[in-house]
Amino acid sequence: MRYKHHFVDKKSVVAGVSRSCLMYLCCVSNAYENMSREELVTQNQQLHFSVAQLRAELNQIKRLIYGSKSERFVPSNSSSQSVGIGS
């Protein structure tokens, strides 16, 4: 098997990868092989858009956690404002 321009044994490539993960990768690989070029381009654009959205969301969460005090979410310690789960 050729992997990243190096010849490696199949067993060393799949070592540590779960069987269900390998089955999923095979199914995804087969699905992409059956797609036309236009479908692949559309799928690629959708995936790039999803990645951009997730990066923006991650940056917003990082700002909430690690940002300056004006950007950070600081929960109040007031017991009168706390809401219990299931209440």
N, C-alpha and C. Protein backbone atom coordinates (compact mmCIF):
# COMPACT_ATOMS: atom_id res chain seq x y z
N MET A 1 0.85 -1.19 0.00
CA MET A 1 0.00 0.00 0.00
C MET A 1 0.88 1.23 0.00
N ARG A 2 0.55 2.19 -0.82
CA ARG A 2 1.32 3.41 -0.91
C ARG A 2 0.59 4.50 -0.11
N TYR A 3 1.31 5.17 0.78
CA TYR A 3 0.71 6.19 1.64
C TYR A 3 1.67 7.34 1.76
N LYS A 4 1.27 8.51 1.29
CA LYS A 4 2.09 9.71 1.34
C LYS A 4 3.48 9.47 0.77
N HIS A 5 3.51 8.86 -0.40
CA HIS A 5 4.74 8.62 -1.15
C HIS A 5 5.70 7.68 -0.44
N HIS A 6 5.24 6.90 0.50
CA HIS A 6 6.06 5.90 1.17
C HIS A 6 5.31 4.58 1.12
N PHE A 7 6.03 3.52 0.98
CA PHE A 7 5.41 2.22 1.02
C PHE A 7 5.37 1.74 2.46
N VAL A 8 4.16 1.38 2.91
CA VAL A 8 4.00 0.89 4.27
C VAL A 8 3.10 -0.34 4.26
N ASP A 9 3.22 -1.11 5.27
CA ASP A 9 2.41 -2.29 5.44
C ASP A 9 0.99 -1.87 5.84
N LYS A 10 -0.03 -2.54 5.28
CA LYS A 10 -1.42 -2.21 5.62
C LYS A 10 -1.67 -2.30 7.11
N LYS A 11 -1.09 -3.30 7.76
CA LYS A 11 -1.32 -3.49 9.20
C LYS A 11 -0.83 -2.31 10.00
N SER A 12 0.26 -1.69 9.58
CA SER A 12 0.77 -0.55 10.34
C SER A 12 -0.10 0.68 10.14
N VAL A 13 -0.79 0.77 8.99
CA VAL A 13 -1.67 1.92 8.74
C VAL A 13 -2.93 1.81 9.58
N VAL A 14 -3.49 0.62 9.69
CA VAL A 14 -4.75 0.45 10.39
C VAL A 14 -4.57 0.13 11.87
N ALA A 15 -3.36 0.01 12.33
CA ALA A 15 -3.13 -0.29 13.75
C ALA A 15 -3.70 0.83 14.61
N GLY A 16 -4.50 0.48 15.59
CA GLY A 16 -5.06 1.46 16.51
C GLY A 16 -6.34 2.10 16.02
N VAL A 17 -6.80 1.76 14.83
CA VAL A 17 -8.03 2.34 14.30
C VAL A 17 -9.14 1.32 14.52
N SER A 18 -10.25 1.77 15.08
CA SER A 18 -11.34 0.84 15.38
C SER A 18 -11.97 0.32 14.10
N ARG A 19 -12.57 -0.84 14.20
CA ARG A 19 -13.22 -1.47 13.05
C ARG A 19 -14.36 -0.61 12.51
N SER A 20 -15.15 -0.02 13.40
CA SER A 20 -16.27 0.82 12.95
C SER A 20 -15.78 2.05 12.23
N CYS A 21 -14.64 2.59 12.68
CA CYS A 21 -14.07 3.75 12.01
C CYS A 21 -13.60 3.38 10.60
N LEU A 22 -13.00 2.23 10.46
CA LEU A 22 -12.56 1.77 9.14
C LEU A 22 -13.74 1.53 8.22
N MET A 23 -14.81 0.96 8.76
CA MET A 23 -16.01 0.73 7.95
C MET A 23 -16.60 2.05 7.48
N TYR A 24 -16.64 3.04 8.36
CA TYR A 24 -17.14 4.35 7.99
C TYR A 24 -16.30 4.96 6.88
N LEU A 25 -14.98 4.89 7.03
CA LEU A 25 -14.10 5.46 6.01
C LEU A 25 -14.27 4.77 4.67
N CYS A 26 -14.48 3.47 4.67
CA CYS A 26 -14.70 2.74 3.42
C CYS A 26 -16.00 3.19 2.77
N CYS A 27 -17.05 3.36 3.56
CA CYS A 27 -18.34 3.80 3.02
C CYS A 27 -18.24 5.20 2.45
N VAL A 28 -17.57 6.10 3.16
CA VAL A 28 -17.41 7.47 2.69
C VAL A 28 -16.59 7.48 1.40
N SER A 29 -15.53 6.70 1.39
CA SER A 29 -14.68 6.62 0.21
C SER A 29 -15.47 6.13 -1.00
N ASN A 30 -16.29 5.09 -0.80
CA ASN A 30 -17.11 4.56 -1.89
C ASN A 30 -18.14 5.58 -2.35
N ALA A 31 -18.70 6.33 -1.43
CA ALA A 31 -19.70 7.34 -1.79
C ALA A 31 -19.08 8.42 -2.66
N TYR A 32 -17.88 8.86 -2.32
CA TYR A 32 -17.22 9.90 -3.10
C TYR A 32 -16.78 9.39 -4.47
N GLU A 33 -16.45 8.13 -4.57
CA GLU A 33 -16.05 7.56 -5.86
C GLU A 33 -17.21 7.56 -6.83
N ASN A 34 -18.44 7.48 -6.34
CA ASN A 34 -19.62 7.43 -7.19
C ASN A 34 -20.19 8.80 -7.53
N MET A 35 -19.58 9.86 -7.00
CA MET A 35 -20.09 11.21 -7.24
C MET A 35 -19.44 11.82 -8.48
N SER A 36 -20.20 12.67 -9.16
CA SER A 36 -19.65 13.37 -10.32
C SER A 36 -18.75 14.50 -9.84
N ARG A 37 -18.01 15.08 -10.76
CA ARG A 37 -17.10 16.18 -10.41
C ARG A 37 -17.88 17.36 -9.84
N GLU A 38 -19.02 17.67 -10.45
CA GLU A 38 -19.84 18.80 -9.98
C GLU A 38 -20.34 18.56 -8.56
N GLU A 39 -20.75 17.33 -8.29
CA GLU A 39 -21.21 17.01 -6.94
C GLU A 39 -20.08 17.12 -5.93
N LEU A 40 -18.89 16.69 -6.33
CA LEU A 40 -17.73 16.79 -5.44
C LEU A 40 -17.37 18.25 -5.17
N VAL A 41 -17.46 19.09 -6.20
CA VAL A 41 -17.16 20.51 -6.03
C VAL A 41 -18.17 21.14 -5.08
N THR A 42 -19.45 20.82 -5.26
CA THR A 42 -20.49 21.34 -4.37
C THR A 42 -20.28 20.88 -2.95
N GLN A 43 -19.96 19.59 -2.78
CA GLN A 43 -19.71 19.04 -1.44
C GLN A 43 -18.51 19.74 -0.80
N ASN A 44 -17.47 19.97 -1.59
CA ASN A 44 -16.27 20.64 -1.09
C ASN A 44 -16.60 22.06 -0.63
N GLN A 45 -17.40 22.78 -1.40
CA GLN A 45 -17.79 24.14 -1.03
C GLN A 45 -18.61 24.13 0.27
N GLN A 46 -19.52 23.17 0.40
CA GLN A 46 -20.32 23.07 1.62
C GLN A 46 -19.44 22.77 2.83
N LEU A 47 -18.47 21.90 2.65
CA LEU A 47 -17.57 21.57 3.76
C LEU A 47 -16.71 22.76 4.14
N HIS A 48 -16.23 23.52 3.16
CA HIS A 48 -15.44 24.72 3.47
C HIS A 48 -16.29 25.74 4.22
N PHE A 49 -17.56 25.88 3.83
CA PHE A 49 -18.46 26.80 4.52
C PHE A 49 -18.68 26.35 5.96
N SER A 50 -18.88 25.04 6.16
CA SER A 50 -19.08 24.50 7.51
C SER A 50 -17.85 24.73 8.38
N VAL A 51 -16.67 24.52 7.81
CA VAL A 51 -15.44 24.74 8.55
C VAL A 51 -15.31 26.20 8.95
N ALA A 52 -15.65 27.11 8.04
CA ALA A 52 -15.57 28.54 8.35
C ALA A 52 -16.54 28.91 9.48
N GLN A 53 -17.75 28.34 9.44
CA GLN A 53 -18.72 28.61 10.51
C GLN A 53 -18.22 28.09 11.84
N LEU A 54 -17.68 26.88 11.85
CA LEU A 54 -17.19 26.29 13.09
C LEU A 54 -15.99 27.05 13.65
N ARG A 55 -15.12 27.54 12.76
CA ARG A 55 -13.98 28.35 13.23
C ARG A 55 -14.45 29.65 13.85
N ALA A 56 -15.46 30.29 13.25
CA ALA A 56 -16.00 31.53 13.80
C ALA A 56 -16.62 31.27 15.16
N GLU A 57 -17.35 30.17 15.28
CA GLU A 57 -17.97 29.81 16.56
C GLU A 57 -16.90 29.52 17.62
N LEU A 58 -15.86 28.81 17.23
CA LEU A 58 -14.77 28.51 18.16
C LEU A 58 -14.09 29.79 18.62
N ASN A 59 -13.84 30.71 17.70
CA ASN A 59 -13.22 31.98 18.07
C ASN A 59 -14.10 32.76 19.05
N GLN A 60 -15.41 32.73 18.83
CA GLN A 60 -16.32 33.42 19.74
C GLN A 60 -16.28 32.79 21.13
N ILE A 61 -16.27 31.46 21.19
CA ILE A 61 -16.20 30.77 22.47
C ILE A 61 -14.88 31.08 23.17
N LYS A 62 -13.78 31.10 22.41
CA LYS A 62 -12.49 31.43 23.01
C LYS A 62 -12.49 32.84 23.58
N ARG A 63 -13.13 33.77 22.86
CA ARG A 63 -13.21 35.15 23.38
C ARG A 63 -14.01 35.18 24.68
N LEU A 64 -15.09 34.39 24.75
CA LEU A 64 -15.90 34.36 25.97
C LEU A 64 -15.12 33.78 27.14
N ILE A 65 -14.28 32.82 26.86
CA ILE A 65 -13.53 32.17 27.95
C ILE A 65 -12.27 32.93 28.30
N TYR A 66 -11.49 33.30 27.28
CA TYR A 66 -10.16 33.86 27.51
C TYR A 66 -10.03 35.34 27.20
N GLY A 67 -11.10 35.98 26.75
CA GLY A 67 -11.02 37.37 26.32
C GLY A 67 -10.82 38.34 27.48
N SER A 68 -10.69 39.62 27.13
CA SER A 68 -10.56 40.63 28.17
C SER A 68 -11.85 40.68 28.99
N LYS A 69 -11.80 41.33 30.13
CA LYS A 69 -12.96 41.33 31.03
C LYS A 69 -14.21 41.89 30.37
N SER A 70 -14.05 42.82 29.46
CA SER A 70 -15.23 43.39 28.79
C SER A 70 -15.86 42.40 27.81
N GLU A 71 -15.08 41.43 27.33
CA GLU A 71 -15.60 40.44 26.38
C GLU A 71 -16.00 39.13 27.06
N ARG A 72 -15.47 38.88 28.24
CA ARG A 72 -15.62 37.59 28.90
C ARG A 72 -16.97 37.46 29.59
N PHE A 73 -17.50 36.25 29.61
CA PHE A 73 -18.72 35.95 30.34
C PHE A 73 -18.34 35.62 31.78
N VAL A 74 -18.88 36.36 32.72
CA VAL A 74 -18.60 36.11 34.13
C VAL A 74 -19.94 35.81 34.80
N PRO A 75 -20.15 34.55 35.22
CA PRO A 75 -21.43 34.21 35.85
C PRO A 75 -21.55 34.88 37.21
N SER A 76 -22.78 35.26 37.53
CA SER A 76 -23.00 35.89 38.84
C SER A 76 -23.02 34.82 39.91
N ASN A 77 -22.60 35.19 41.11
CA ASN A 77 -22.57 34.25 42.24
C ASN A 77 -23.80 34.39 43.12
N SER A 78 -24.74 35.20 42.72
CA SER A 78 -25.93 35.44 43.52
C SER A 78 -26.79 34.18 43.55
N SER A 79 -27.12 33.70 44.74
CA SER A 79 -27.92 32.48 44.88
C SER A 79 -29.37 32.72 44.44
N SER A 80 -29.83 33.95 44.48
CA SER A 80 -31.21 34.24 44.08
C SER A 80 -31.38 34.14 42.57
N GLN A 81 -30.29 34.27 41.82
CA GLN A 81 -30.39 34.22 40.36
C GLN A 81 -30.06 32.84 39.81
N SER A 82 -29.54 31.95 40.63
CA SER A 82 -29.18 30.64 40.12
C SER A 82 -30.42 29.81 39.88
N VAL A 83 -30.40 29.03 38.82
CA VAL A 83 -31.53 28.20 38.44
C VAL A 83 -31.07 26.77 38.46
N GLY A 84 -31.77 25.92 39.17
CA GLY A 84 -31.41 24.51 39.25
C GLY A 84 -31.93 23.76 38.03
N ILE A 85 -31.30 22.66 37.70
CA ILE A 85 -31.74 21.83 36.58
C ILE A 85 -33.02 21.12 36.99
N GLY A 86 -33.97 21.15 36.10
CA GLY A 86 -35.24 20.46 36.35
C GLY A 86 -36.23 21.27 37.16
N SER A 87 -35.91 22.53 37.45
CA SER A 87 -36.87 23.31 38.22
C SER A 87 -37.66 24.24 37.35
